[in-house]
N, C-alpha and C. Protein backbone atom coordinates (compact mmCIF):
# COMPACT_ATOMS: atom_id res chain seq x y z
N UNK A 1 115.31 208.69 122.93
CA UNK A 1 115.52 208.80 124.35
C UNK A 1 114.71 207.75 125.10
N UNK A 2 113.49 207.49 124.63
CA UNK A 2 112.64 206.50 125.29
C UNK A 2 113.29 205.12 125.21
N UNK A 3 113.96 204.83 124.10
CA UNK A 3 114.63 203.53 123.95
C UNK A 3 115.77 203.39 124.97
N UNK A 4 116.45 204.48 125.24
CA UNK A 4 117.51 204.44 126.24
C UNK A 4 116.94 204.07 127.61
N UNK A 5 115.84 204.71 128.01
CA UNK A 5 115.24 204.43 129.30
C UNK A 5 114.59 203.06 129.35
N UNK A 6 114.22 202.53 128.19
CA UNK A 6 113.63 201.19 128.13
C UNK A 6 114.72 200.12 128.25
N UNK A 7 115.95 200.46 127.92
CA UNK A 7 117.12 199.58 128.05
C UNK A 7 116.96 198.26 127.30
N UNK A 8 116.35 198.33 126.13
CA UNK A 8 116.23 197.13 125.31
C UNK A 8 115.38 196.04 125.97
N UNK A 9 114.46 196.43 126.81
CA UNK A 9 113.59 195.48 127.48
C UNK A 9 114.08 195.06 128.87
N UNK A 10 115.25 195.53 129.25
CA UNK A 10 115.83 195.15 130.54
C UNK A 10 115.69 196.24 131.61
N UNK A 11 114.91 197.25 131.34
CA UNK A 11 114.78 198.37 132.27
C UNK A 11 114.26 197.93 133.63
N UNK A 12 113.41 196.90 133.66
CA UNK A 12 112.85 196.43 134.94
C UNK A 12 113.95 195.86 135.84
N UNK A 13 115.07 195.47 135.27
CA UNK A 13 116.19 194.94 136.06
C UNK A 13 117.27 196.00 136.28
N UNK A 14 117.50 196.84 135.27
CA UNK A 14 118.60 197.80 135.32
C UNK A 14 118.31 198.94 136.29
N UNK A 15 117.16 199.60 136.17
CA UNK A 15 116.87 200.77 136.99
C UNK A 15 116.76 200.44 138.47
N UNK A 16 116.10 199.34 138.85
CA UNK A 16 116.12 199.00 140.29
C UNK A 16 117.53 198.70 140.80
N UNK A 17 118.38 198.13 139.95
CA UNK A 17 119.76 197.87 140.35
C UNK A 17 120.50 199.17 140.60
N UNK A 18 120.29 200.15 139.73
CA UNK A 18 120.90 201.47 139.95
C UNK A 18 120.38 202.08 141.24
N UNK A 19 119.07 201.96 141.48
CA UNK A 19 118.49 202.51 142.70
C UNK A 19 119.05 201.85 143.95
N UNK A 20 119.19 200.53 143.93
CA UNK A 20 119.73 199.82 145.07
C UNK A 20 121.19 200.20 145.31
N UNK A 21 121.96 200.32 144.24
CA UNK A 21 123.36 200.73 144.37
C UNK A 21 123.45 202.14 144.97
N UNK A 22 122.57 203.02 144.54
CA UNK A 22 122.57 204.39 145.08
C UNK A 22 122.23 204.37 146.57
N UNK A 23 121.26 203.55 146.97
CA UNK A 23 120.91 203.45 148.38
C UNK A 23 122.07 202.91 149.21
N UNK A 24 122.79 201.95 148.68
CA UNK A 24 123.95 201.41 149.39
C UNK A 24 125.02 202.48 149.54
N UNK A 25 125.29 203.22 148.48
CA UNK A 25 126.29 204.30 148.55
C UNK A 25 125.88 205.35 149.59
N UNK A 26 124.62 205.73 149.58
CA UNK A 26 124.13 206.72 150.54
C UNK A 26 124.27 206.18 151.96
N UNK A 27 123.95 204.91 152.16
CA UNK A 27 124.08 204.30 153.48
C UNK A 27 125.52 204.26 153.96
N UNK A 28 126.44 203.94 153.06
CA UNK A 28 127.86 203.89 153.43
C UNK A 28 128.36 205.29 153.80
N UNK A 29 127.96 206.27 153.03
CA UNK A 29 128.37 207.65 153.32
C UNK A 29 127.79 208.10 154.66
N UNK A 30 126.51 207.81 154.89
CA UNK A 30 125.86 208.19 156.14
C UNK A 30 126.55 207.53 157.32
N UNK A 31 126.82 206.23 157.22
CA UNK A 31 127.48 205.50 158.31
C UNK A 31 128.89 206.03 158.56
N UNK A 32 129.61 206.35 157.49
CA UNK A 32 130.96 206.88 157.63
C UNK A 32 130.96 208.23 158.33
N UNK A 33 130.02 209.09 157.98
CA UNK A 33 129.94 210.40 158.63
C UNK A 33 129.55 210.26 160.10
N UNK A 34 128.63 209.34 160.40
CA UNK A 34 128.24 209.11 161.79
C UNK A 34 129.43 208.60 162.59
N UNK A 35 130.21 207.69 162.03
CA UNK A 35 131.39 207.17 162.72
C UNK A 35 132.44 208.27 162.90
N UNK A 36 132.61 209.12 161.91
CA UNK A 36 133.55 210.23 162.02
C UNK A 36 133.18 211.14 163.18
N UNK A 37 131.90 211.47 163.29
CA UNK A 37 131.44 212.31 164.41
C UNK A 37 131.70 211.62 165.74
N UNK A 38 131.44 210.32 165.83
CA UNK A 38 131.67 209.59 167.07
C UNK A 38 133.16 209.56 167.42
N UNK A 39 134.00 209.37 166.44
CA UNK A 39 135.45 209.35 166.69
C UNK A 39 135.96 210.71 167.13
N UNK A 40 135.42 211.78 166.55
CA UNK A 40 135.82 213.13 166.97
C UNK A 40 135.40 213.39 168.41
N UNK A 41 134.19 212.95 168.79
CA UNK A 41 133.76 213.10 170.18
C UNK A 41 134.68 212.34 171.12
N UNK A 42 135.08 211.13 170.73
CA UNK A 42 135.97 210.33 171.56
C UNK A 42 137.33 211.01 171.73
N UNK A 43 137.87 211.55 170.65
CA UNK A 43 139.16 212.25 170.72
C UNK A 43 139.05 213.46 171.64
N UNK A 44 137.99 214.22 171.51
CA UNK A 44 137.80 215.39 172.38
C UNK A 44 137.71 214.96 173.84
N UNK A 45 136.99 213.88 174.12
CA UNK A 45 136.85 213.38 175.48
C UNK A 45 138.20 212.95 176.04
N UNK A 46 138.98 212.23 175.24
CA UNK A 46 140.29 211.77 175.71
C UNK A 46 141.27 212.92 175.91
N UNK A 47 141.22 213.92 175.02
CA UNK A 47 142.10 215.07 175.17
C UNK A 47 141.73 215.87 176.42
N UNK A 48 140.46 215.98 176.72
CA UNK A 48 140.02 216.68 177.92
C UNK A 48 140.51 215.95 179.17
N UNK A 49 140.38 214.64 179.17
CA UNK A 49 140.89 213.85 180.31
C UNK A 49 142.39 214.04 180.48
N UNK A 50 143.11 214.04 179.37
CA UNK A 50 144.57 214.18 179.43
C UNK A 50 144.96 215.54 180.01
N UNK A 51 144.26 216.59 179.61
CA UNK A 51 144.57 217.94 180.12
C UNK A 51 144.25 218.07 181.60
N UNK A 52 143.22 217.36 182.05
CA UNK A 52 142.79 217.48 183.45
C UNK A 52 143.54 216.52 184.37
N UNK A 53 144.35 215.66 183.83
CA UNK A 53 145.07 214.69 184.65
C UNK A 53 146.19 215.37 185.42
N UNK A 54 146.39 214.92 186.66
CA UNK A 54 147.47 215.46 187.49
C UNK A 54 148.79 214.91 187.02
N UNK A 55 149.84 215.72 187.02
CA UNK A 55 151.15 215.21 186.63
C UNK A 55 151.63 214.16 187.64
N UNK A 56 152.28 213.14 187.12
CA UNK A 56 152.80 212.07 187.99
C UNK A 56 154.11 212.50 188.61
N UNK A 57 154.41 211.94 189.80
CA UNK A 57 155.67 212.25 190.48
C UNK A 57 156.83 211.65 189.69
N UNK A 58 157.92 212.41 189.56
CA UNK A 58 159.13 211.92 188.90
C UNK A 58 159.03 211.88 187.40
N UNK A 59 158.03 212.48 186.83
CA UNK A 59 157.91 212.44 185.37
C UNK A 59 158.47 213.69 184.75
């Protein structure tokens, strides 16, 4: 098991690469969720405006 974690002498390069990739994935997920929340707020705001708008004449 120790040999697996040592990665044939390349562990100093492999494990930080895995860590960096994990951080990037977490960042992408976090940013996507933040954007989803912002888009939902925008949709709610626009739907509220639409409901409160006065009907136009002749429509």
